[in-house]
Amino acid sequence: MDTLELFQRLSIALAIGLMIGLERGWQGRTEPEGERTAGLRTHALSGLLGGLWAAIAMRLQNSGGAVALGLAFAAFTGTIVIFRLREIIHEGTYGATTMVAAMLVFVLGAFAVVGDAQVAAGCGVAAAALLALKTVLHTWVARLTWEELRSGLVLLAMTFIMLPILPDRTIDPWDSLNPYAIWLMTILIAALSFAGYVAIKLTGDDRGILLTGIAGGLVSSTAVTLSLARLARENAAQEKLLIAGMVAAGATMMIRILAIVAILNSDMLVRLAAPLVSAAAVLVICALLFMRSARAPKEAHGSLEFRNPFDLSTVLQFGALLAAITVAAKLITSRVGQPGAFALAAVSGLADVDAIALSMARLSGNAISSVVATNAILIAVAVNTVAKAALSWVSGGAQVGRSMLGLSVLSVAGGFIALLAVHSI
């Protein structure tokens, strides 16, 4: 390592200490000078100290450099522990965050010299962010329910325990069912749905029906439609506002499907983007128009309830549905061809769009052509959009149903026109 590179790496070590020290100093800014174990200067010097000891250890590779670095870290840690213990006794409090932060600064400073400097810098940013988010994280933990904690554990188990042990190959006679791929797509949908669930929990229904509809569309646009349609029946004065929320959920569903397909099969985006974005744009414009003409909202008259998307039964049901549709799509398209794929998409769209979209994105280019897969997804989205209008009619009454049906037809027509335009190019 030449002199210039060593200076660069030591600069990163110092920067890591300054970054974490700035956060620690800001947290203790109200304390009198000299009554903090480690603030801005101490953390900055700790990072530089770790970097210099690592540089010394590199020069002593043949003379126990690693041992020397380890002893330096032990001595540094012992010193920090002593000063922190004195501070705890003086204040009568408990807390190891400052001590751990100082130890981390020393280690990252050393790693910036002997290891990957970019990784060290990234870890430093992550550490500073975690320290700065203390209040937010503590508030979040206080509001966390057992069901939500269990959901996080289920996600971790699904991803790091179940997924690695599943065979990454087809196991059925029809060469269509890959357990690893099915489970990975199940995790993808559950995680995306959980994002909407968290958004609703954070914002709350009182932040606005439109925002709730958008967030709810990440979980289930059908559930949003049923919930808001029921509220519209009970609160006729807020009918237009609630319809705007239902329409926004439908638009979010379309963008969500586009994002899913982009992750799994980006080659389909060329044909799928224009019709879905056009159909969603029509719904967004309609939602804004209904919002503009709606009366100002009064007190909340109800609440949207969603099942936790990481509930184990929900995950298993979706996984089973996805596996069944994947096998059915492969069999039907191989024996019946395009009409069979389109019929399956129409039937699937009555209840769920995610499963058929995932199946078609995965089979596109292999079992079926990209054109057939794209058209099948569009059919499922169109059927689902009109089906939700029918559900709103049943749940919210004729007036709500007629409005939703008209808006759904406009959206489907907008998507169809965009599809024809893409074909003509």
Protein backbone atom coordinates (compact mmCIF):
# COMPACT_ATOMS: atom_id res chain seq x y z
CA MET A 1 0.00 0.00 0.00
CA ASP A 2 1.53 3.32 -1.06
CA THR A 3 1.41 6.51 0.97
CA LEU A 4 -1.46 8.10 -0.99
CA GLU A 5 -3.72 5.07 -0.55
CA LEU A 6 -2.90 4.91 3.16
CA PHE A 7 -3.88 8.56 3.57
CA GLN A 8 -7.13 7.91 1.72
CA ARG A 9 -7.97 4.94 3.93
CA LEU A 10 -7.09 6.81 7.11
CA SER A 11 -9.31 9.67 5.91
CA ILE A 12 -12.21 7.22 5.63
CA ALA A 13 -11.45 5.92 9.13
CA LEU A 14 -11.52 9.49 10.45
CA ALA A 15 -14.72 10.25 8.53
CA ILE A 16 -16.46 7.23 10.05
CA GLY A 17 -15.51 8.44 13.52
CA LEU A 18 -16.67 11.97 12.75
CA MET A 19 -19.99 10.75 11.37
CA ILE A 20 -20.84 8.57 14.37
CA GLY A 21 -19.33 11.10 16.77
CA LEU A 22 -21.50 13.86 15.32
CA GLU A 23 -24.62 11.84 16.11
CA ARG A 24 -23.37 10.93 19.62
CA GLY A 25 -22.41 14.54 20.26
CA TRP A 26 -25.81 15.78 19.12
CA GLN A 27 -27.59 13.31 21.40
CA GLY A 28 -25.55 14.55 24.38
CA ARG A 29 -25.48 18.22 23.41
CA THR A 30 -27.32 19.28 26.60
CA GLU A 31 -24.81 17.62 28.92
CA PRO A 32 -22.06 19.78 30.45
CA GLU A 33 -18.60 19.62 28.88
CA GLY A 34 -16.50 16.81 30.30
CA GLU A 35 -19.41 14.68 31.52
CA ARG A 36 -19.70 12.53 28.41
CA THR A 37 -17.74 9.33 27.93
CA ALA A 38 -17.39 9.87 24.18
CA GLY A 39 -18.62 12.65 21.92
CA LEU A 40 -17.64 14.07 18.55
CA ARG A 41 -13.89 14.37 19.12
CA THR A 42 -13.49 11.08 21.00
CA HIS A 43 -15.26 9.07 18.29
CA ALA A 44 -13.31 10.81 15.53
CA LEU A 45 -10.04 10.06 17.30
CA SER A 46 -11.18 6.47 17.93
CA GLY A 47 -11.72 5.91 14.22
CA LEU A 48 -8.30 7.36 13.40
CA LEU A 49 -6.75 5.29 16.22
CA GLY A 50 -8.23 2.10 14.80
CA GLY A 51 -6.95 2.97 11.34
CA LEU A 52 -3.43 3.70 12.59
CA TRP A 53 -3.25 0.49 14.61
CA ALA A 54 -4.36 -1.42 11.52
CA ALA A 55 -1.61 0.27 9.51
CA ILE A 56 0.92 -0.69 12.18
CA ALA A 57 -0.39 -4.26 12.16
CA MET A 58 0.11 -4.43 8.40
CA ARG A 59 3.76 -3.46 8.86
CA LEU A 60 4.13 -6.17 11.51
CA GLN A 61 2.63 -9.02 9.52
CA ASN A 62 5.59 -11.26 10.19
CA SER A 63 5.85 -10.20 13.82
CA GLY A 64 2.35 -10.79 15.17
CA GLY A 65 0.58 -7.77 13.66
CA ALA A 66 -2.87 -9.32 14.08
CA VAL A 67 -2.14 -10.02 17.73
CA ALA A 68 -0.98 -6.44 18.24
CA LEU A 69 -4.18 -5.10 16.67
CA GLY A 70 -6.27 -7.39 18.87
CA LEU A 71 -4.46 -6.24 22.00
CA ALA A 72 -4.93 -2.60 20.96
CA PHE A 73 -8.64 -3.18 20.55
CA ALA A 74 -8.84 -4.91 23.96
CA ALA A 75 -7.02 -2.01 25.62
CA PHE A 76 -9.25 0.52 23.89
CA THR A 77 -12.39 -1.37 24.90
CA GLY A 78 -11.22 -1.64 28.50
CA THR A 79 -10.63 2.10 28.66
CA ILE A 80 -14.06 2.91 27.21
CA VAL A 81 -15.74 0.47 29.60
CA ILE A 82 -14.08 2.09 32.63
CA PHE A 83 -15.11 5.62 31.63
CA ARG A 84 -18.62 4.50 30.72
CA LEU A 85 -18.98 2.71 34.05
CA ARG A 86 -18.01 5.87 35.88
CA GLU A 87 -20.58 7.83 33.86
CA ILE A 88 -23.31 5.28 34.62
CA ILE A 89 -22.56 5.42 38.35
CA HIS A 90 -22.56 9.22 38.28
CA GLU A 91 -25.87 9.46 36.37
CA GLY A 92 -27.55 6.44 37.93
CA THR A 93 -28.58 5.12 34.51
CA TYR A 94 -27.96 2.09 32.34
CA GLY A 95 -26.92 1.94 28.72
CA ALA A 96 -24.25 0.36 26.56
CA THR A 97 -24.93 2.15 23.26
CA THR A 98 -22.13 4.71 23.55
CA MET A 99 -19.63 2.02 24.53
CA VAL A 100 -20.61 -0.26 21.63
CA ALA A 101 -20.56 2.70 19.22
CA ALA A 102 -17.00 3.59 20.25
CA MET A 103 -15.88 -0.03 19.84
CA LEU A 104 -17.52 -0.14 16.41
CA VAL A 105 -15.76 3.07 15.35
CA PHE A 106 -12.38 1.56 16.26
CA VAL A 107 -13.13 -1.66 14.36
CA LEU A 108 -14.47 0.15 11.27
CA GLY A 109 -11.48 2.47 11.30
CA ALA A 110 -9.20 -0.55 11.30
CA PHE A 111 -11.20 -2.31 8.61
CA ALA A 112 -11.07 0.80 6.40
CA VAL A 113 -7.28 0.34 6.31
CA VAL A 114 -6.85 -3.43 6.10
CA GLY A 115 -10.16 -4.38 4.42
CA ASP A 116 -12.70 -2.96 1.99
CA ALA A 117 -12.90 0.79 2.62
CA GLN A 118 -16.30 1.07 0.87
CA VAL A 119 -17.80 -1.63 3.08
CA ALA A 120 -16.38 0.09 6.16
CA ALA A 121 -17.88 3.43 5.08
CA GLY A 122 -21.24 1.81 4.36
CA CYS A 123 -21.29 0.14 7.76
CA GLY A 124 -20.44 3.49 9.33
CA VAL A 125 -23.40 5.16 7.63
CA ALA A 126 -25.69 2.33 8.72
CA ALA A 127 -24.45 2.58 12.31
CA ALA A 128 -24.95 6.37 12.39
CA ALA A 129 -28.45 5.97 10.98
CA LEU A 130 -29.39 3.38 13.62
CA LEU A 131 -28.10 5.64 16.38
CA ALA A 132 -29.94 8.68 15.00
CA LEU A 133 -33.21 6.77 14.67
CA LYS A 134 -33.34 5.93 18.37
CA THR A 135 -36.63 7.72 19.05
CA VAL A 136 -38.30 6.46 15.89
CA LEU A 137 -37.23 2.87 16.50
CA HIS A 138 -38.27 2.91 20.15
CA THR A 139 -41.66 4.36 19.22
CA TRP A 140 -42.08 1.73 16.52
CA VAL A 141 -41.21 -1.09 18.93
CA ALA A 142 -43.68 0.30 21.49
CA ARG A 143 -46.45 0.22 18.85
CA LEU A 144 -45.48 -3.20 17.53
CA THR A 145 -48.09 -5.88 18.14
CA TRP A 146 -47.38 -9.55 18.68
CA GLU A 147 -48.93 -10.38 15.30
CA GLU A 148 -46.59 -7.95 13.54
CA LEU A 149 -43.56 -9.27 15.41
CA ARG A 150 -44.57 -12.79 14.44
CA SER A 151 -44.87 -11.61 10.84
CA GLY A 152 -41.27 -10.44 10.86
CA LEU A 153 -40.16 -13.79 12.26
CA VAL A 154 -42.21 -15.60 9.61
CA LEU A 155 -40.54 -13.53 6.87
CA LEU A 156 -37.09 -14.34 8.24
CA ALA A 157 -37.93 -18.03 8.50
CA MET A 158 -39.40 -18.07 4.99
CA THR A 159 -36.34 -16.38 3.54
CA PHE A 160 -33.38 -17.78 5.45
CA ILE A 161 -34.61 -21.19 6.63
CA MET A 162 -37.21 -22.48 4.19
CA LEU A 163 -35.97 -20.97 0.93
CA PRO A 164 -32.39 -22.37 0.98
CA ILE A 165 -33.55 -25.96 1.61
CA LEU A 166 -36.13 -26.07 -1.19
CA PRO A 167 -35.02 -27.74 -4.44
CA ASP A 168 -34.34 -25.25 -7.23
CA ARG A 169 -35.69 -27.53 -9.99
CA THR A 170 -39.02 -28.78 -11.26
CA ILE A 171 -40.39 -31.78 -9.39
CA ASP A 172 -43.63 -32.54 -11.24
CA PRO A 173 -44.20 -34.67 -14.37
CA TRP A 174 -45.18 -31.57 -16.37
CA ASP A 175 -41.88 -29.75 -15.70
CA SER A 176 -43.64 -26.69 -14.30
CA LEU A 177 -43.50 -26.76 -10.48
CA ASN A 178 -40.25 -25.39 -9.06
CA PRO A 179 -40.59 -25.24 -5.22
CA TYR A 180 -37.77 -22.70 -4.85
CA ALA A 181 -39.24 -20.34 -7.46
CA ILE A 182 -42.79 -20.71 -6.11
CA TRP A 183 -41.68 -19.95 -2.56
CA LEU A 184 -39.52 -17.01 -3.67
CA MET A 185 -42.48 -15.46 -5.51
CA THR A 186 -44.68 -16.06 -2.46
CA ILE A 187 -42.18 -14.14 -0.32
CA LEU A 188 -42.11 -11.35 -2.90
CA ILE A 189 -45.88 -10.87 -2.85
CA ALA A 190 -46.13 -11.18 0.94
CA ALA A 191 -43.35 -8.60 1.40
CA LEU A 192 -44.97 -6.20 -1.05
CA SER A 193 -48.33 -6.62 0.66
CA PHE A 194 -46.72 -6.11 4.05
CA ALA A 195 -45.35 -2.77 2.82
CA GLY A 196 -48.92 -1.63 2.23
CA TYR A 197 -50.01 -3.03 5.59
CA VAL A 198 -47.26 -1.08 7.36
CA ALA A 199 -48.13 2.07 5.40
CA ILE A 200 -51.72 1.90 6.60
CA LYS A 201 -50.62 1.24 10.19
CA LEU A 202 -48.26 4.23 10.08
CA THR A 203 -50.55 6.72 8.35
CA GLY A 204 -53.89 5.61 9.75
CA ASP A 205 -57.22 5.99 8.02
CA ASP A 206 -57.60 9.50 9.39
CA ARG A 207 -54.78 10.73 7.16
CA GLY A 208 -57.03 10.55 4.13
CA ILE A 209 -59.12 8.06 2.21
CA LEU A 210 -57.04 8.58 -0.93
CA LEU A 211 -53.77 7.78 0.86
CA THR A 212 -55.38 4.79 2.55
CA GLY A 213 -56.64 3.55 -0.80
CA ILE A 214 -53.18 3.81 -2.33
CA ALA A 215 -51.52 2.00 0.59
CA GLY A 216 -54.32 -0.56 0.72
CA GLY A 217 -53.87 -1.28 -2.98
CA LEU A 218 -50.48 -2.74 -2.09
CA VAL A 219 -52.21 -5.21 0.20
CA SER A 220 -55.46 -5.98 -1.61
CA SER A 221 -57.40 -3.63 -3.85
CA THR A 222 -60.39 -5.98 -3.55
CA ALA A 223 -60.39 -5.62 0.25
CA VAL A 224 -60.16 -1.84 -0.10
CA THR A 225 -63.10 -1.83 -2.51
CA LEU A 226 -65.31 -3.90 -0.20
CA SER A 227 -64.40 -1.86 2.90
CA LEU A 228 -64.90 1.55 1.28
CA ALA A 229 -68.07 0.47 -0.51
CA ARG A 230 -69.57 -0.54 2.83
CA LEU A 231 -68.60 2.84 4.27
CA ALA A 232 -70.16 4.58 1.26
CA ARG A 233 -73.47 2.82 1.92
CA GLU A 234 -73.39 4.05 5.53
CA ASN A 235 -72.11 7.55 4.73
CA ALA A 236 -73.77 8.82 1.58
CA ALA A 237 -72.39 12.32 2.11
CA GLN A 238 -68.84 11.01 1.65
CA GLU A 239 -69.66 8.76 -1.30
CA LYS A 240 -67.48 10.54 -3.86
CA LEU A 241 -64.51 10.64 -1.51
CA LEU A 242 -64.82 6.93 -0.80
CA ILE A 243 -65.15 6.12 -4.50
CA ALA A 244 -61.94 8.07 -5.07
CA GLY A 245 -60.24 5.80 -2.53
CA MET A 246 -61.52 2.66 -4.29
CA VAL A 247 -60.34 3.94 -7.65
CA ALA A 248 -56.92 4.83 -6.23
CA ALA A 249 -56.59 1.29 -4.89
CA GLY A 250 -57.34 -0.09 -8.35
CA ALA A 251 -54.67 2.12 -9.92
CA THR A 252 -52.15 1.02 -7.29
CA MET A 253 -52.94 -2.62 -8.08
CA MET A 254 -52.06 -2.06 -11.75
CA ILE A 255 -48.74 -0.39 -10.95
CA ARG A 256 -48.05 -3.16 -8.45
CA ILE A 257 -48.54 -5.83 -11.11
CA LEU A 258 -46.22 -3.91 -13.42
CA ALA A 259 -43.55 -3.81 -10.70
CA ILE A 260 -43.90 -7.55 -10.05
CA VAL A 261 -43.49 -8.38 -13.72
CA ALA A 262 -40.51 -6.01 -13.99
CA ILE A 263 -38.75 -7.91 -11.20
CA LEU A 264 -39.41 -11.36 -12.66
CA ASN A 265 -39.39 -10.79 -16.42
CA SER A 266 -38.30 -7.37 -17.65
CA ASP A 267 -38.72 -8.44 -21.29
CA MET A 268 -42.51 -8.22 -20.87
CA LEU A 269 -42.41 -4.56 -19.85
CA VAL A 270 -42.34 -3.27 -23.43
CA ARG A 271 -45.82 -4.64 -24.14
CA LEU A 272 -47.24 -4.44 -20.62
CA ALA A 273 -46.22 -0.95 -19.49
CA ALA A 274 -48.30 1.16 -21.90
CA PRO A 275 -51.72 -0.47 -21.30
CA LEU A 276 -51.31 -0.79 -17.52
CA VAL A 277 -49.93 2.72 -17.05
CA SER A 278 -52.70 4.13 -19.29
CA ALA A 279 -55.42 2.26 -17.42
CA ALA A 280 -53.96 3.37 -14.08
CA ALA A 281 -53.69 6.98 -15.30
CA VAL A 282 -57.38 6.99 -16.18
CA LEU A 283 -58.21 5.83 -12.66
CA VAL A 284 -55.90 8.40 -11.07
CA ILE A 285 -57.52 11.22 -13.05
CA CYS A 286 -60.98 9.98 -12.08
CA ALA A 287 -59.94 9.73 -8.42
CA LEU A 288 -58.67 13.32 -8.45
CA LEU A 289 -61.87 14.55 -10.09
CA PHE A 290 -64.01 12.76 -7.52
CA MET A 291 -61.81 14.12 -4.73
CA ARG A 292 -62.23 17.64 -6.07
CA SER A 293 -66.01 17.40 -6.19
CA ALA A 294 -66.35 15.59 -2.85
CA ARG A 295 -67.45 17.28 0.32
CA ALA A 296 -64.86 17.91 2.98
CA PRO A 297 -64.47 14.78 5.10
CA LYS A 298 -65.86 14.82 8.61
CA GLU A 299 -65.08 12.42 11.40
CA ALA A 300 -63.93 8.93 10.53
CA HIS A 301 -66.94 6.64 10.15
CA GLY A 302 -65.13 3.38 9.88
CA SER A 303 -61.82 1.70 9.58
CA LEU A 304 -60.16 -0.48 6.99
CA GLU A 305 -59.26 -3.90 8.28
CA PHE A 306 -56.73 -6.12 6.52
CA ARG A 307 -55.43 -9.52 7.42
CA ASN A 308 -51.75 -9.52 8.15
CA PRO A 309 -50.16 -10.66 4.85
CA PHE A 310 -47.58 -12.72 6.77
CA ASP A 311 -50.20 -14.71 8.62
CA LEU A 312 -48.99 -18.28 8.05
CA SER A 313 -52.34 -19.52 6.72
CA THR A 314 -52.48 -16.60 4.26
CA VAL A 315 -48.96 -17.32 3.04
CA LEU A 316 -49.65 -21.02 2.57
CA GLN A 317 -52.95 -20.38 0.80
CA PHE A 318 -51.32 -18.00 -1.65
CA GLY A 319 -48.43 -20.41 -2.22
CA ALA A 320 -50.87 -23.22 -2.95
CA LEU A 321 -52.90 -20.99 -5.30
CA LEU A 322 -49.75 -19.91 -7.11
CA ALA A 323 -48.57 -23.51 -7.51
CA ALA A 324 -51.98 -24.61 -8.79
CA ILE A 325 -52.20 -21.80 -11.33
CA THR A 326 -48.62 -22.41 -12.47
CA VAL A 327 -49.32 -26.09 -13.19
CA ALA A 328 -52.71 -25.30 -14.74
CA ALA A 329 -51.19 -22.63 -16.99
CA LYS A 330 -48.53 -25.03 -18.22
CA LEU A 331 -50.99 -27.87 -18.88
CA ILE A 332 -53.74 -25.77 -20.43
CA THR A 333 -51.46 -23.80 -22.72
CA SER A 334 -49.66 -26.93 -23.88
CA ARG A 335 -52.93 -28.72 -24.73
CA VAL A 336 -55.38 -25.95 -25.62
CA GLY A 337 -53.07 -23.08 -26.55
CA GLN A 338 -53.82 -19.39 -26.31
CA PRO A 339 -57.59 -19.71 -25.64
CA GLY A 340 -56.86 -21.89 -22.61
CA ALA A 341 -54.37 -19.39 -21.18
CA PHE A 342 -56.82 -16.54 -21.67
CA ALA A 343 -59.68 -18.50 -20.08
CA LEU A 344 -57.50 -19.33 -17.07
CA ALA A 345 -56.51 -15.67 -16.75
CA ALA A 346 -60.13 -14.55 -16.85
CA VAL A 347 -61.18 -17.03 -14.17
CA SER A 348 -58.16 -16.23 -11.98
CA GLY A 349 -58.77 -12.51 -12.32
CA LEU A 350 -62.15 -12.85 -10.64
CA ALA A 351 -60.40 -13.51 -7.33
CA ASP A 352 -56.72 -12.63 -7.57
CA VAL A 353 -54.35 -11.02 -10.08
CA ASP A 354 -51.02 -11.65 -8.37
CA ALA A 355 -50.96 -15.40 -8.85
CA ILE A 356 -51.72 -15.38 -12.58
CA ALA A 357 -49.30 -12.46 -13.13
CA LEU A 358 -46.49 -14.32 -11.38
CA SER A 359 -47.22 -17.52 -13.27
CA MET A 360 -47.33 -15.85 -16.67
CA ALA A 361 -44.17 -13.82 -15.98
CA ARG A 362 -42.34 -17.00 -15.06
CA LEU A 363 -43.65 -19.08 -17.99
CA SER A 364 -43.17 -16.33 -20.57
CA GLY A 365 -40.54 -17.27 -23.11
CA ASN A 366 -40.51 -20.90 -21.98
CA ALA A 367 -43.86 -22.65 -21.94
CA ILE A 368 -45.74 -19.80 -23.60
CA SER A 369 -44.85 -16.84 -25.77
CA SER A 370 -44.34 -13.37 -24.33
CA VAL A 371 -47.35 -12.07 -26.29
CA VAL A 372 -49.68 -14.70 -24.84
CA ALA A 373 -48.35 -14.13 -21.31
CA THR A 374 -48.77 -10.35 -21.59
CA ASN A 375 -52.30 -10.59 -22.95
CA ALA A 376 -53.25 -13.09 -20.25
CA ILE A 377 -52.10 -10.68 -17.53
CA LEU A 378 -54.03 -7.83 -19.14
CA ILE A 379 -57.16 -10.00 -19.32
CA ALA A 380 -56.81 -10.87 -15.63
CA VAL A 381 -56.39 -7.19 -14.68
CA ALA A 382 -59.40 -6.17 -16.79
CA VAL A 383 -61.61 -8.91 -15.34
CA ASN A 384 -60.49 -8.07 -11.81
CA THR A 385 -61.21 -4.37 -12.35
CA VAL A 386 -64.76 -5.02 -13.58
CA ALA A 387 -65.32 -7.67 -10.89
CA LYS A 388 -64.49 -5.12 -8.19
CA ALA A 389 -67.10 -2.81 -9.67
CA ALA A 390 -69.64 -5.62 -9.27
CA LEU A 391 -68.52 -6.17 -5.68
CA SER A 392 -68.90 -2.47 -4.93
CA TRP A 393 -72.41 -2.60 -6.37
CA VAL A 394 -73.34 -5.43 -4.00
CA SER A 395 -71.56 -3.96 -0.99
CA GLY A 396 -72.18 -0.25 -1.51
CA GLY A 397 -75.45 -0.06 -3.41
CA ALA A 398 -76.54 0.72 -6.96
CA GLN A 399 -75.27 4.30 -7.09
CA VAL A 400 -71.77 3.35 -5.95
CA GLY A 401 -71.82 0.33 -8.25
CA ARG A 402 -72.80 2.34 -11.30
CA SER A 403 -70.06 4.88 -10.66
CA MET A 404 -67.44 2.17 -10.17
CA LEU A 405 -68.61 0.27 -13.24
CA GLY A 406 -68.38 3.37 -15.41
CA LEU A 407 -64.90 4.21 -14.14
CA SER A 408 -63.77 0.59 -14.56
CA VAL A 409 -64.97 0.51 -18.17
CA LEU A 410 -63.16 3.79 -18.86
CA SER A 411 -59.97 2.37 -17.36
CA VAL A 412 -60.16 -0.87 -19.33
CA ALA A 413 -60.89 1.09 -22.50
CA GLY A 414 -57.87 3.33 -21.88
CA GLY A 415 -55.66 0.30 -21.45
CA PHE A 416 -57.07 -1.35 -24.59
CA ILE A 417 -56.46 1.76 -26.69
CA ALA A 418 -52.85 1.91 -25.43
CA LEU A 419 -52.41 -1.78 -26.28
CA LEU A 420 -53.65 -1.17 -29.84
CA ALA A 421 -51.27 1.76 -30.15
CA VAL A 422 -48.34 -0.45 -29.07
CA HIS A 423 -49.38 -3.09 -31.64
CA SER A 424 -49.53 -0.50 -34.40
CA ILE A 425 -45.99 0.79 -33.76
